[in-house]
Amino acid sequence: MNENHNGLIRQYLPKGMELDKVADEKVSLIQNKLNNRPRKLLDYKTPNEVYEAMRLAASLHGVALMAEIRVGIRNHL
């Protein structure tokens, strides 16, 4: 999974680029694009959609349900 994320980031920041030269605004733009990109790993949901679903589940049903959601995500790996 980490190498896949590196590849996604490399679409925006070429290998060898000095990261301290990247403006905060550009980092935020890249972060927003990647967090709103559907992923096969997440059953074609975006990371933001999964995060919001987990946050809502935690607030409505407590931490026990969160464990069930994590198991469901792991089953797709």
Foldseek 3Di string as FASTA:
>chain_A
DVVVVVVLVCVPPPPPDDPVPDDPVSVVVSVVVQQCAFDVLQVRGGVVVLVVVLVVCCVPPNDVVSVVSVVVSVVSD
